[in-house]
Each structure stands twice: as C-alpha cells, then as structure tokens.
C-alpha atoms as a PDB file:
ATOM      1  CA  MET A   1       0.000   0.000   0.000  1.00  0.00           C
ATOM      2  CA  THR A   2       1.444   3.377  -1.015  1.00  0.00           C
ATOM      3  CA  LYS A   3       1.853   6.185   1.488  1.00  0.00           C
ATOM      4  CA  ARG A   4      -0.589   8.430  -0.424  1.00  0.00           C
ATOM      5  CA  LYS A   5      -3.251   5.678  -0.495  1.00  0.00           C
ATOM      6  CA  PHE A   6      -2.775   5.054   3.223  1.00  0.00           C
ATOM      7  CA  LEU A   7      -3.134   8.783   3.974  1.00  0.00           C
ATOM      8  CA  THR A   8      -6.236   8.977   1.780  1.00  0.00           C
ATOM      9  CA  ILE A   9      -7.865   6.106   3.732  1.00  0.00           C
ATOM     10  CA  LEU A  10      -7.093   7.870   7.006  1.00  0.00           C
ATOM     11  CA  LEU A  11      -8.463  11.109   5.598  1.00  0.00           C
ATOM     12  CA  GLY A  12     -11.675   9.415   4.470  1.00  0.00           C
ATOM     13  CA  ALA A  13     -12.293   7.990   7.908  1.00  0.00           C
ATOM     14  CA  PHE A  14     -11.652  11.363   9.537  1.00  0.00           C
ATOM     15  CA  ILE A  15     -13.927  13.311   7.168  1.00  0.00           C
ATOM     16  CA  LEU A  16     -16.807  10.831   7.445  1.00  0.00           C
ATOM     17  CA  THR A  17     -16.565  11.006  11.227  1.00  0.00           C
ATOM     18  CA  CYS A  18     -16.749  14.811  11.154  1.00  0.00           C
ATOM     19  CA  LEU A  19     -19.627  14.901   8.691  1.00  0.00           C
ATOM     20  CA  SER A  20     -21.683  12.355  10.627  1.00  0.00           C
ATOM     21  CA  GLY A  21     -22.006  14.907  13.423  1.00  0.00           C
ATOM     22  CA  CYS A  22     -19.797  13.180  16.036  1.00  0.00           C
ATOM     23  CA  SER A  23     -18.277  15.508  18.626  1.00  0.00           C
ATOM     24  CA  ARG A  24     -14.698  15.374  19.786  1.00  0.00           C
ATOM     25  CA  ASN A  25     -15.839  15.795  23.384  1.00  0.00           C
ATOM     26  CA  PRO A  26     -19.228  14.018  23.699  1.00  0.00           C
ATOM     27  CA  ARG A  27     -21.359  14.983  26.667  1.00  0.00           C
ATOM     28  CA  GLY A  28     -20.839  12.644  29.616  1.00  0.00           C
ATOM     29  CA  ALA A  29     -17.457  11.290  28.514  1.00  0.00           C
ATOM     30  CA  SER A  30     -14.776  10.955  31.151  1.00  0.00           C
ATOM     31  CA  ALA A  31     -11.671  13.152  31.191  1.00  0.00           C
ATOM     32  CA  GLU A  32      -9.540  10.151  30.213  1.00  0.00           C
ATOM     33  CA  GLU A  33     -11.835   9.314  27.281  1.00  0.00           C
ATOM     34  CA  ASP A  34     -11.806  12.969  26.169  1.00  0.00           C
ATOM     35  CA  ARG A  35      -8.006  13.081  26.288  1.00  0.00           C
ATOM     36  CA  SER A  36      -7.677   9.824  24.361  1.00  0.00           C
ATOM     37  CA  LYS A  37     -10.091  10.939  21.611  1.00  0.00           C
ATOM     38  CA  THR A  38      -8.445  14.344  21.362  1.00  0.00           C
ATOM     39  CA  GLU A  39      -5.000  12.778  20.955  1.00  0.00           C
ATOM     40  CA  THR A  40      -6.315  10.386  18.289  1.00  0.00           C
ATOM     41  CA  SER A  41      -8.077  13.193  16.432  1.00  0.00           C
ATOM     42  CA  THR A  42      -5.013  15.423  16.579  1.00  0.00           C
ATOM     43  CA  ALA A  43      -2.775  12.663  15.262  1.00  0.00           C
ATOM     44  CA  THR A  44      -5.198  12.049  12.381  1.00  0.00           C
ATOM     45  CA  GLU A  45      -5.374  15.755  11.475  1.00  0.00           C
ATOM     46  CA  GLU A  46      -1.584  15.969  11.418  1.00  0.00           C
ATOM     47  CA  THR A  47      -1.404  12.963   9.080  1.00  0.00           C
ATOM     48  CA  VAL A  48      -3.998  13.807   6.405  1.00  0.00           C
ATOM     49  CA  ARG A  49      -3.360  16.214   3.566  1.00  0.00           C
ATOM     50  CA  PRO A  50      -5.251  19.509   3.862  1.00  0.00           C
ATOM     51  CA  LEU A  51      -8.014  20.424   1.450  1.00  0.00           C
ATOM     52  CA  LEU A  52      -6.513  22.911  -1.040  1.00  0.00           C
ATOM     53  CA  ILE A  53      -8.463  26.065  -1.917  1.00  0.00           C
ATOM     54  CA  ILE A  54      -7.071  28.501  -4.476  1.00  0.00           C
ATOM     55  CA  ALA A  55      -8.060  32.077  -5.246  1.00  0.00           C
ATOM     56  CA  GLU A  56      -7.237  34.870  -7.632  1.00  0.00           C
ATOM     57  CA  GLU A  57      -6.190  38.091  -5.911  1.00  0.00           C
ATOM     58  CA  PHE A  58      -9.415  40.077  -5.574  1.00  0.00           C
ATOM     59  CA  ILE A  59      -9.081  42.807  -2.947  1.00  0.00           C
ATOM     60  CA  PRO A  60     -10.987  42.988  -0.554  1.00  0.00           C
ATOM     61  CA  PHE A  61     -12.233  39.400  -0.969  1.00  0.00           C
ATOM     62  CA  ALA A  62      -8.943  37.466  -0.975  1.00  0.00           C
ATOM     63  CA  TYR A  63      -5.454  38.994  -0.907  1.00  0.00           C
ATOM     64  CA  MET A  64      -2.079  38.869   0.832  1.00  0.00           C
ATOM     65  CA  GLU A  65      -1.358  41.036   3.861  1.00  0.00           C
ATOM     66  CA  ASN A  66       1.728  40.628   6.045  1.00  0.00           C
ATOM     67  CA  GLY A  67       2.358  37.178   4.620  1.00  0.00           C
ATOM     68  CA  ARG A  68      -1.214  35.957   5.250  1.00  0.00           C
ATOM     69  CA  ILE A  69      -4.232  35.541   2.986  1.00  0.00           C
ATOM     70  CA  VAL A  70      -7.015  37.750   4.306  1.00  0.00           C
ATOM     71  CA  GLY A  71     -10.246  39.268   3.029  1.00  0.00           C
ATOM     72  CA  ILE A  72     -13.991  38.725   3.053  1.00  0.00           C
ATOM     73  CA  GLU A  73     -14.003  35.336   1.317  1.00  0.00           C
ATOM     74  CA  ALA A  74     -10.851  34.164   3.088  1.00  0.00           C
ATOM     75  CA  GLU A  75     -12.371  34.847   6.508  1.00  0.00           C
ATOM     76  CA  ILE A  76     -15.709  33.282   5.606  1.00  0.00           C
ATOM     77  CA  VAL A  77     -13.981  30.126   4.400  1.00  0.00           C
ATOM     78  CA  GLY A  78     -11.775  29.989   7.480  1.00  0.00           C
ATOM     79  CA  ARG A  79     -14.706  30.177   9.885  1.00  0.00           C
ATOM     80  CA  ILE A  80     -16.720  27.559   8.004  1.00  0.00           C
ATOM     81  CA  MET A  81     -13.867  25.078   7.627  1.00  0.00           C
ATOM     82  CA  ASP A  82     -13.091  25.391  11.333  1.00  0.00           C
ATOM     83  CA  ARG A  83     -16.722  24.586  12.126  1.00  0.00           C
ATOM     84  CA  LEU A  84     -16.605  21.567   9.822  1.00  0.00           C
ATOM     85  CA  SER A  85     -13.269  20.454  11.355  1.00  0.00           C
ATOM     86  CA  VAL A  86     -11.815  20.145   7.850  1.00  0.00           C
ATOM     87  CA  PRO A  87      -8.085  20.949   7.540  1.00  0.00           C
ATOM     88  CA  TYR A  88      -7.349  23.229   4.589  1.00  0.00           C
ATOM     89  CA  GLU A  89      -4.746  25.403   2.889  1.00  0.00           C
ATOM     90  CA  MET A  90      -5.302  28.461   0.713  1.00  0.00           C
ATOM     91  CA  GLU A  91      -3.146  29.838  -2.086  1.00  0.00           C
ATOM     92  CA  ILE A  92      -3.448  32.924  -4.308  1.00  0.00           C
ATOM     93  CA  LEU A  93      -2.552  32.258  -7.929  1.00  0.00           C
ATOM     94  CA  PRO A  94      -3.096  33.803 -11.361  1.00  0.00           C
ATOM     95  CA  TRP A  95      -6.369  32.475 -12.744  1.00  0.00           C
ATOM     96  CA  ALA A  96      -4.765  30.869 -15.828  1.00  0.00           C
ATOM     97  CA  ARG A  97      -2.552  28.687 -13.600  1.00  0.00           C
ATOM     98  CA  GLY A  98      -5.414  27.916 -11.234  1.00  0.00           C
ATOM     99  CA  TRP A  99      -7.649  26.816 -14.104  1.00  0.00           C
ATOM    100  CA  LYS A 100      -5.023  24.263 -15.213  1.00  0.00           C
ATOM    101  CA  MET A 101      -4.941  22.901 -11.658  1.00  0.00           C
ATOM    102  CA  VAL A 102      -8.721  22.532 -11.750  1.00  0.00           C
ATOM    103  CA  GLN A 103      -8.557  20.653 -15.060  1.00  0.00           C
ATOM    104  CA  ASN A 104      -5.926  18.304 -13.642  1.00  0.00           C
ATOM    105  CA  GLY A 105      -7.722  17.725 -10.329  1.00  0.00           C
ATOM    106  CA  ASP A 106      -4.843  19.200  -8.324  1.00  0.00           C
ATOM    107  CA  VAL A 107      -7.071  21.409  -6.159  1.00  0.00           C
ATOM    108  CA  GLU A 108     -10.296  20.916  -4.181  1.00  0.00           C
ATOM    109  CA  ALA A 109     -12.121  24.273  -4.453  1.00  0.00           C
ATOM    110  CA  VAL A 110     -11.756  27.705  -6.041  1.00  0.00           C
ATOM    111  CA  LEU A 111     -12.828  31.062  -4.630  1.00  0.00           C
ATOM    112  CA  GLY A 112     -14.430  33.810  -6.708  1.00  0.00           C
ATOM    113  CA  THR A 113     -15.718  31.651  -9.576  1.00  0.00           C
ATOM    114  CA  SER A 114     -18.911  32.052 -11.591  1.00  0.00           C
ATOM    115  CA  TYR A 115     -20.996  29.414 -13.324  1.00  0.00           C
ATOM    116  CA  LYS A 116     -20.314  28.778 -17.006  1.00  0.00           C
ATOM    117  CA  THR A 117     -21.530  25.826 -19.060  1.00  0.00           C
ATOM    118  CA  PHE A 118     -17.989  24.936 -20.156  1.00  0.00           C
ATOM    119  CA  ARG A 119     -16.987  24.622 -16.480  1.00  0.00           C
ATOM    120  CA  GLU A 120     -19.567  21.940 -15.633  1.00  0.00           C
ATOM    121  CA  PRO A 121     -17.238  19.005 -16.409  1.00  0.00           C
ATOM    122  CA  TYR A 122     -14.786  20.374 -13.846  1.00  0.00           C
ATOM    123  CA  PHE A 123     -16.887  21.803 -10.994  1.00  0.00           C
ATOM    124  CA  TYR A 124     -19.835  20.742  -8.875  1.00  0.00           C
ATOM    125  CA  PHE A 125     -22.523  23.424  -9.212  1.00  0.00           C
ATOM    126  CA  THR A 126     -25.870  23.548  -7.406  1.00  0.00           C
ATOM    127  CA  GLN A 127     -29.104  23.858  -9.392  1.00  0.00           C
ATOM    128  CA  GLU A 128     -29.585  27.429  -8.163  1.00  0.00           C
ATOM    129  CA  GLN A 129     -26.089  28.383  -9.341  1.00  0.00           C
ATOM    130  CA  LYS A 130     -26.667  26.870 -12.769  1.00  0.00           C
ATOM    131  CA  ALA A 131     -30.056  28.564 -13.118  1.00  0.00           C
ATOM    132  CA  PHE A 132     -28.778  32.136 -12.764  1.00  0.00           C
ATOM    133  CA  PRO A 133     -27.976  32.766 -16.462  1.00  0.00           C
ATOM    134  CA  GLU A 134     -31.596  31.957 -17.337  1.00  0.00           C
ATOM    135  CA  THR A 135     -33.515  33.308 -14.332  1.00  0.00           C
ATOM    136  CA  SER A 136     -31.193  36.137 -13.133  1.00  0.00           C
ATOM    137  CA  LYS A 137     -32.078  35.020  -9.595  1.00  0.00           C
ATOM    138  CA  MET A 138     -29.115  35.147  -7.229  1.00  0.00           C
ATOM    139  CA  PRO A 139     -28.374  31.692  -5.743  1.00  0.00           C
ATOM    140  CA  PRO A 140     -28.419  31.362  -1.939  1.00  0.00           C
ATOM    141  CA  ASP A 141     -24.921  29.866  -1.909  1.00  0.00           C
ATOM    142  CA  LEU A 142     -22.977  32.728  -3.478  1.00  0.00           C
ATOM    143  CA  THR A 143     -19.946  34.232  -1.746  1.00  0.00           C
ATOM    144  CA  TRP A 144     -20.317  37.703  -3.309  1.00  0.00           C
ATOM    145  CA  VAL A 145     -22.047  39.643  -6.077  1.00  0.00           C
ATOM    146  CA  THR A 146     -19.884  41.294  -8.702  1.00  0.00           C
ATOM    147  CA  GLU A 147     -20.682  44.429 -10.738  1.00  0.00           C
ATOM    148  CA  TYR A 148     -18.521  44.977 -13.800  1.00  0.00           C
ATOM    149  CA  VAL A 149     -17.657  48.528 -14.889  1.00  0.00           C
ATOM    150  CA  PHE A 150     -15.021  50.111 -17.105  1.00  0.00           C
ATOM    151  CA  PHE A 151     -12.045  51.814 -15.438  1.00  0.00           C
ATOM    152  CA  VAL A 152     -10.268  54.679 -17.227  1.00  0.00           C
ATOM    153  CA  LYS A 153      -7.617  57.282 -16.444  1.00  0.00           C
ATOM    154  CA  LYS A 154      -9.227  60.301 -14.793  1.00  0.00           C
ATOM    155  CA  ILE A 155      -7.900  62.676 -17.434  1.00  0.00           C
ATOM    156  CA  TYR A 156     -10.052  60.804 -19.983  1.00  0.00           C
ATOM    157  CA  LYS A 157     -13.186  60.310 -17.878  1.00  0.00           C
ATOM    158  CA  ASP A 158     -15.157  62.907 -19.892  1.00  0.00           C
ATOM    159  CA  SER A 159     -13.919  61.859 -23.315  1.00  0.00           C
ATOM    160  CA  ILE A 160     -14.259  58.065 -22.999  1.00  0.00           C
ATOM    161  CA  LYS A 161     -17.892  57.020 -22.729  1.00  0.00           C
ATOM    162  CA  PHE A 162     -19.628  53.716 -23.271  1.00  0.00           C
ATOM    163  CA  GLU A 163     -22.603  53.826 -25.643  1.00  0.00           C
ATOM    164  CA  SER A 164     -22.668  50.373 -27.209  1.00  0.00           C
ATOM    165  CA  TRP A 165     -20.398  47.455 -28.042  1.00  0.00           C
ATOM    166  CA  GLU A 166     -20.475  48.518 -31.694  1.00  0.00           C
ATOM    167  CA  GLN A 167     -19.305  52.006 -30.708  1.00  0.00           C
ATOM    168  CA  MET A 168     -16.436  50.528 -28.675  1.00  0.00           C
ATOM    169  CA  LYS A 169     -15.333  48.381 -31.600  1.00  0.00           C
ATOM    170  CA  SER A 170     -15.525  51.239 -34.102  1.00  0.00           C
ATOM    171  CA  VAL A 171     -13.468  53.566 -31.889  1.00  0.00           C
ATOM    172  CA  GLY A 172     -10.866  50.852 -31.447  1.00  0.00           C
ATOM    173  CA  TRP A 173     -10.302  51.102 -27.712  1.00  0.00           C
ATOM    174  CA  ARG A 174      -7.657  48.791 -26.326  1.00  0.00           C
ATOM    175  CA  VAL A 175      -9.425  46.879 -23.557  1.00  0.00           C
ATOM    176  CA  GLY A 176      -7.596  45.328 -20.615  1.00  0.00           C
ATOM    177  CA  VAL A 177      -8.763  41.939 -19.307  1.00  0.00           C
ATOM    178  CA  ILE A 178      -7.423  39.239 -17.005  1.00  0.00           C
ATOM    179  CA  ARG A 179      -6.266  36.193 -18.913  1.00  0.00           C
ATOM    180  CA  GLU A 180      -8.804  33.297 -18.901  1.00  0.00           C
ATOM    181  CA  ASN A 181     -11.442  35.215 -16.899  1.00  0.00           C
ATOM    182  CA  SER A 182     -14.928  34.407 -18.216  1.00  0.00           C
ATOM    183  CA  TYR A 183     -16.599  37.848 -17.914  1.00  0.00           C
ATOM    184  CA  PHE A 184     -19.876  37.584 -19.905  1.00  0.00           C
ATOM    185  CA  ASP A 185     -20.858  36.327 -23.358  1.00  0.00           C
ATOM    186  CA  GLU A 186     -21.946  39.617 -24.917  1.00  0.00           C
ATOM    187  CA  PHE A 187     -18.623  41.205 -24.056  1.00  0.00           C
ATOM    188  CA  PHE A 188     -16.652  38.539 -25.929  1.00  0.00           C
ATOM    189  CA  ALA A 189     -19.145  38.521 -28.819  1.00  0.00           C
ATOM    190  CA  ALA A 190     -18.345  42.208 -29.430  1.00  0.00           C
ATOM    191  CA  ASP A 191     -14.921  41.148 -30.747  1.00  0.00           C
ATOM    192  CA  LEU A 192     -13.067  44.059 -29.145  1.00  0.00           C
ATOM    193  CA  ASP A 193      -9.328  44.704 -29.117  1.00  0.00           C
ATOM    194  CA  LEU A 194      -8.524  42.745 -25.942  1.00  0.00           C
ATOM    195  CA  HIS A 195      -5.209  42.924 -24.122  1.00  0.00           C
ATOM    196  CA  PRO A 196      -4.930  40.129 -21.517  1.00  0.00           C
ATOM    197  CA  SER A 197      -2.763  40.301 -18.387  1.00  0.00           C
ATOM    198  CA  ALA A 198      -2.182  38.005 -15.439  1.00  0.00           C
ATOM    199  CA  SER A 199      -3.856  40.135 -12.754  1.00  0.00           C
ATOM    200  CA  ALA A 200      -5.811  43.275 -11.907  1.00  0.00           C
ATOM    201  CA  ARG A 201      -2.586  44.936 -10.784  1.00  0.00           C
ATOM    202  CA  ASP A 202      -0.999  44.325 -14.179  1.00  0.00           C
ATOM    203  CA  CYS A 203      -4.057  45.732 -15.953  1.00  0.00           C
ATOM    204  CA  PHE A 204      -4.005  48.906 -13.879  1.00  0.00           C
ATOM    205  CA  LYS A 205      -0.284  49.341 -14.523  1.00  0.00           C
ATOM    206  CA  LYS A 206      -0.979  49.116 -18.256  1.00  0.00           C
ATOM    207  CA  LEU A 207      -3.770  51.664 -17.888  1.00  0.00           C
ATOM    208  CA  ILE A 208      -1.405  54.071 -16.133  1.00  0.00           C
ATOM    209  CA  SER A 209       1.342  53.572 -18.731  1.00  0.00           C
ATOM    210  CA  GLY A 210      -1.060  54.038 -21.651  1.00  0.00           C
ATOM    211  CA  GLU A 211      -0.719  50.496 -23.017  1.00  0.00           C
ATOM    212  CA  ILE A 212      -4.512  50.116 -22.779  1.00  0.00           C
ATOM    213  CA  ASP A 213      -7.325  52.673 -22.866  1.00  0.00           C
ATOM    214  CA  ILE A 214      -9.931  51.008 -20.687  1.00  0.00           C
ATOM    215  CA  TYR A 215     -10.110  48.088 -18.230  1.00  0.00           C
ATOM    216  CA  LEU A 216     -13.095  45.882 -17.359  1.00  0.00           C
ATOM    217  CA  GLN A 217     -13.237  44.939 -13.658  1.00  0.00           C
ATOM    218  CA  ASP A 218     -15.617  44.509 -10.737  1.00  0.00           C
ATOM    219  CA  LYS A 219     -16.219  47.906  -9.167  1.00  0.00           C
ATOM    220  CA  THR A 220     -15.402  46.909  -5.590  1.00  0.00           C
ATOM    221  CA  VAL A 221     -12.294  44.939  -6.548  1.00  0.00           C
ATOM    222  CA  GLY A 222     -11.124  47.750  -8.810  1.00  0.00           C
ATOM    223  CA  LEU A 223     -11.511  50.480  -6.209  1.00  0.00           C
ATOM    224  CA  ALA A 224      -9.830  48.420  -3.487  1.00  0.00           C
ATOM    225  CA  THR A 225      -6.935  47.440  -5.759  1.00  0.00           C
ATOM    226  CA  LEU A 226      -6.407  51.054  -6.837  1.00  0.00           C
ATOM    227  CA  LYS A 227      -6.328  52.148  -3.193  1.00  0.00           C
ATOM    228  CA  ASP A 228      -3.774  49.459  -2.380  1.00  0.00           C
ATOM    229  CA  MET A 229      -1.603  50.437  -5.367  1.00  0.00           C
ATOM    230  CA  GLY A 230      -1.835  54.160  -4.671  1.00  0.00           C
ATOM    231  CA  PHE A 231      -3.570  54.900  -7.995  1.00  0.00           C
ATOM    232  CA  SER A 232      -6.910  56.189  -6.645  1.00  0.00           C
ATOM    233  CA  ASN A 233      -6.154  59.751  -7.743  1.00  0.00           C
ATOM    234  CA  ASP A 234      -5.222  58.692 -11.263  1.00  0.00           C
ATOM    235  CA  ILE A 235      -7.934  56.203 -12.267  1.00  0.00           C
ATOM    236  CA  THR A 236     -11.723  56.213 -11.975  1.00  0.00           C
ATOM    237  CA  TYR A 237     -14.603  54.212 -13.448  1.00  0.00           C
ATOM    238  CA  ILE A 238     -17.518  54.821 -15.803  1.00  0.00           C
ATOM    239  CA  PRO A 239     -20.630  54.551 -13.560  1.00  0.00           C
ATOM    240  CA  GLU A 240     -22.719  52.420 -15.910  1.00  0.00           C
ATOM    241  CA  VAL A 241     -22.849  48.812 -14.683  1.00  0.00           C
ATOM    242  CA  LEU A 242     -22.308  46.444 -17.596  1.00  0.00           C
ATOM    243  CA  PHE A 243     -23.023  43.144 -15.905  1.00  0.00           C
ATOM    244  CA  ARG A 244     -23.816  41.654 -12.503  1.00  0.00           C
ATOM    245  CA  LYS A 245     -23.340  38.027 -11.549  1.00  0.00           C
ATOM    246  CA  PRO A 246     -22.784  35.840  -8.469  1.00  0.00           C
ATOM    247  CA  TYR A 247     -19.412  34.401  -7.527  1.00  0.00           C
ATOM    248  CA  MET A 248     -19.247  31.105  -5.680  1.00  0.00           C
ATOM    249  CA  MET A 249     -16.667  28.682  -4.286  1.00  0.00           C
ATOM    250  CA  PRO A 250     -17.267  25.613  -6.485  1.00  0.00           C
ATOM    251  CA  PHE A 251     -15.653  22.306  -5.605  1.00  0.00           C
ATOM    252  CA  VAL A 252     -13.582  20.345  -8.125  1.00  0.00           C
ATOM    253  CA  LYS A 253     -14.936  17.104  -9.627  1.00  0.00           C
ATOM    254  CA  LYS A 254     -11.562  15.597 -10.532  1.00  0.00           C
ATOM    255  CA  SER A 255     -10.155  15.915  -7.011  1.00  0.00           C
ATOM    256  CA  ASP A 256      -9.673  12.609  -5.185  1.00  0.00           C
ATOM    257  CA  TYR A 257     -10.247  14.211  -1.774  1.00  0.00           C
ATOM    258  CA  PRO A 258     -12.543  11.843   0.214  1.00  0.00           C
ATOM    259  CA  GLY A 259     -16.099  13.029   0.889  1.00  0.00           C
ATOM    260  CA  LEU A 260     -15.640  16.252  -1.069  1.00  0.00           C
ATOM    261  CA  ARG A 261     -19.249  16.447  -2.243  1.00  0.00           C
ATOM    262  CA  GLN A 262     -20.450  16.069   1.349  1.00  0.00           C
ATOM    263  CA  ILE A 263     -18.058  18.787   2.469  1.00  0.00           C
ATOM    264  CA  MET A 264     -19.449  21.054  -0.256  1.00  0.00           C
ATOM    265  CA  ASP A 265     -23.027  20.516   0.936  1.00  0.00           C
ATOM    266  CA  ARG A 266     -22.068  21.256   4.531  1.00  0.00           C
ATOM    267  CA  PHE A 267     -20.064  24.289   3.449  1.00  0.00           C
ATOM    268  CA  TYR A 268     -23.038  25.796   1.630  1.00  0.00           C
ATOM    269  CA  ASP A 269     -25.322  25.058   4.588  1.00  0.00           C
ATOM    270  CA  GLU A 270     -23.017  27.034   6.875  1.00  0.00           C
ATOM    271  CA  LEU A 271     -22.702  29.840   4.320  1.00  0.00           C
ATOM    272  CA  ARG A 272     -26.499  30.258   4.181  1.00  0.00           C
ATOM    273  CA  LYS A 273     -26.611  30.379   7.968  1.00  0.00           C
ATOM    274  CA  MET A 274     -23.962  33.110   8.006  1.00  0.00           C
ATOM    275  CA  ARG A 275     -26.033  35.213   5.613  1.00  0.00           C
ATOM    276  CA  THR A 276     -29.244  34.737   7.593  1.00  0.00           C
ATOM    277  CA  SER A 277     -27.637  35.466  10.968  1.00  0.00           C
ATOM    278  CA  GLY A 278     -25.863  38.630   9.810  1.00  0.00           C
ATOM    279  CA  GLU A 279     -22.404  37.146  10.354  1.00  0.00           C
ATOM    280  CA  TYR A 280     -21.621  37.489   6.646  1.00  0.00           C
ATOM    281  CA  GLN A 281     -22.540  41.189   6.721  1.00  0.00           C
ATOM    282  CA  GLU A 282     -20.333  41.706   9.766  1.00  0.00           C
ATOM    283  CA  ILE A 283     -17.329  40.243   7.936  1.00  0.00           C
ATOM    284  CA  TYR A 284     -18.137  42.217   4.796  1.00  0.00           C
ATOM    285  CA  ASP A 285     -18.290  45.531   6.653  1.00  0.00           C
ATOM    286  CA  LYS A 286     -15.003  44.795   8.389  1.00  0.00           C
ATOM    287  CA  TYR A 287     -13.139  44.885   5.068  1.00  0.00           C
ATOM    288  CA  THR A 288     -15.086  47.550   3.189  1.00  0.00           C
ATOM    289  CA  GLN A 289     -16.508  50.227   5.496  1.00  0.00           C
ATOM    290  CA  PRO A 290     -15.442  52.697   6.600  1.00  0.00           C
ATOM    291  CA  ALA A 291     -11.685  52.063   6.484  1.00  0.00           C
ATOM    292  CA  MET A 292     -11.559  50.946   2.859  1.00  0.00           C
ATOM    293  CA  GLY A 293     -13.939  53.651   1.721  1.00  0.00           C
ATOM    294  CA  ILE A 294     -15.520  51.237  -0.750  1.00  0.00           C
ATOM    295  CA  GLY A 295     -18.619  49.142  -0.959  1.00  0.00           C
ATOM    296  CA  CYS A 296     -20.174  46.268  -2.840  1.00  0.00           C
ATOM    297  CA  PRO A 297     -23.511  46.236  -4.670  1.00  0.00           C
ATOM    298  CA  GLU A 298     -26.160  45.449  -2.088  1.00  0.00           C
ATOM    299  CA  PRO A 299     -23.839  43.698   0.400  1.00  0.00           C
ATOM    300  CA  GLY A 300     -26.834  42.679   2.510  1.00  0.00           C
ATOM    301  CA  ILE A 301     -28.625  41.223  -0.492  1.00  0.00           C
ATOM    302  CA  ASN A 302     -31.444  38.806   0.282  1.00  0.00           C
ATOM    303  CA  VAL A 303     -30.258  36.148  -2.104  1.00  0.00           C
ATOM    304  CA  GLU A 304     -33.273  33.973  -1.395  1.00  0.00           C
ATOM    305  CA  ALA A 305     -35.531  36.456  -3.147  1.00  0.00           C
ATOM    306  CA  LYS A 306     -33.361  38.874  -5.122  1.00  0.00           C
ATOM    307  CA  THR A 307     -33.512  38.857  -8.911  1.00  0.00           C
ATOM    308  CA  ALA A 308     -30.848  40.840 -10.723  1.00  0.00           C
ATOM    309  CA  GLU A 309     -32.068  43.793 -12.773  1.00  0.00           C
ATOM    310  CA  PRO A 310     -31.481  43.666 -16.543  1.00  0.00           C
ATOM    311  CA  LEU A 311     -28.166  45.356 -17.360  1.00  0.00           C
ATOM    312  CA  VAL A 312     -26.257  46.196 -20.513  1.00  0.00           C
ATOM    313  CA  GLY A 313     -24.592  42.799 -20.724  1.00  0.00           C
ATOM    314  CA  GLN A 314     -27.261  40.618 -19.155  1.00  0.00           C
ATOM    315  CA  GLN A 315     -30.102  38.847 -20.897  1.00  0.00           C
ATOM    316  CA  ASN A 316     -33.269  37.774 -19.067  1.00  0.00           C
END
C-alpha cells in the first residue's frame, strides 16, 4: 500500500466522522476518554493532507497582507472550515494557472468563480447556481455579487464614454482583461481589441502607462486594488454597470479528496446560515466600510428572493 493511499484512507475515515455529526468531546465522557479521543483526532489531522483552496487576488475578498491571505471570502472560508473540522490550505494564484490545476484535479475548491456551461465538467454546481444565467435570480450559496464597470484614467473620464459594443469596436479602444477570466458572453461577442494580463494589478499598470485605454473589472475589486496600489487619484470608473453576476466557491470534480461532495453541501449550509444570521454582513463591513472607503452592490442582499435587474450585458 502506497503512502498516499494510506493517507487517503485515514483522511476518508476522519472526514466521514466529522460529517456524521460526532463531537470530539461528547457529553458525559470521562476526562480520560476525552483526552484519548483528542490525541487520536489530533494525530489524524496531522497525518492527512489539507483540502486545497485557491483564489485569484481580488481585494478585498482574498489577498495577501503581512504574509497571510485575508479578506472577506478568506475569513468566511476559514470560519466555516473550522466549524466543519476540515483541515485546509489556501493559495493565491493567477487564474490561468489555477484553471489548469482545476482541469488536472490538483485542487479541491476555487474562490471567486462564476458558473459557465464549459466549467460543468470540472466543478460541482448547485441547481440554483446553474439557473442564474436563465432566471437572473441570485443563488443562496454565493460568496459575493460582482458588478462589472469600465475603469479609465481620470484625465479621460469625460472623453471616454460607453454607448454600445459597436461604438467601442468602431473607436478601437484597447481593452484590458485578465487572462482566462470568463466575464460575460456579450462582451466577448463584441470582438473588441482585448489585451490580456495576469492580474488586476498588471491591468491597472498598463492603464497608467497608456498600453490600454480602458479596463473591465468589478467595481469593488477595482476600487480596493487602486487604493492598495496608490492609484486612486489617477484612475476612476464609468458609472454604468455592464453586468452583474454571483461568484461562488465551487468544488472540483476531478479531485480525489474523500467526501468532497459532502463537504461542499455542509459548506453551503453554513454559508447560508452566516447570511441569515448577519455574520456574513459583519465580515463584509469589516473589510469595506469605513476604512476601505468602498462598498459592494447590495452587500446585505437577500439572495433567497433577489432577482438581478437587466443590465447592458445581461439577458433575461
């Protein structure tokens, strides 16, 4: 028996025990029994491989600070995984590299990811998540709602205006995008002059240097990234929202992590509870208001009932 197979068997036993609702310190157990079970549990946790979660840098949702990954999504995931007693690790990577890991089954879950039909062979999606493109109803298991806008240099804010995709193409604007990000279908159908980069930071640097004329990004992520880079006085955004969609943390089908589908179900259960109790809002406010001076579209959104309004790039 190989070492990896042995560790996987141990991991499976540990995860199934956690998900069955067993407590580490059952009521009525003796001190000696508690100590024995705690030692066994600790030894098991130290032996199994952690569940790997990857994320693209999206300030204020997931980003590095003082050598640690912090942010709204990072904290939400940390609290939930602790409650599920599931060991995990988190890494921030460029999306293009992360997508290859997903395709190879080298990761268990990905933060800040939207539903797309071409992603179904690689991710587990709930029915509510898959229904959004048709119904525009926000799923109850989203981690945040994104609003895409165009960012431009402030000196051009009055001369660069969005009227239509045809107008953008005819003017010939050089549009910054993050490599392999999905955005939305109408945007790609416009056949614009796209200039891909590895990250939001790279796109903003190109905007400052004049290599691109305009950059498509979520409003909250864009404003927070600009603040972090010190570019807030140089770049602004065109107010018109082009598209709104939910981001989730889908789990990877090709991963061999034991009980992963069960972990996903429990994760989403806890996420819904956090939204209902107000805990999600508390975490959100911690990273956005007032210190960051930014906000997200309807951070307290009632995702059970909310239907997104028709926008420029969104079809009902």
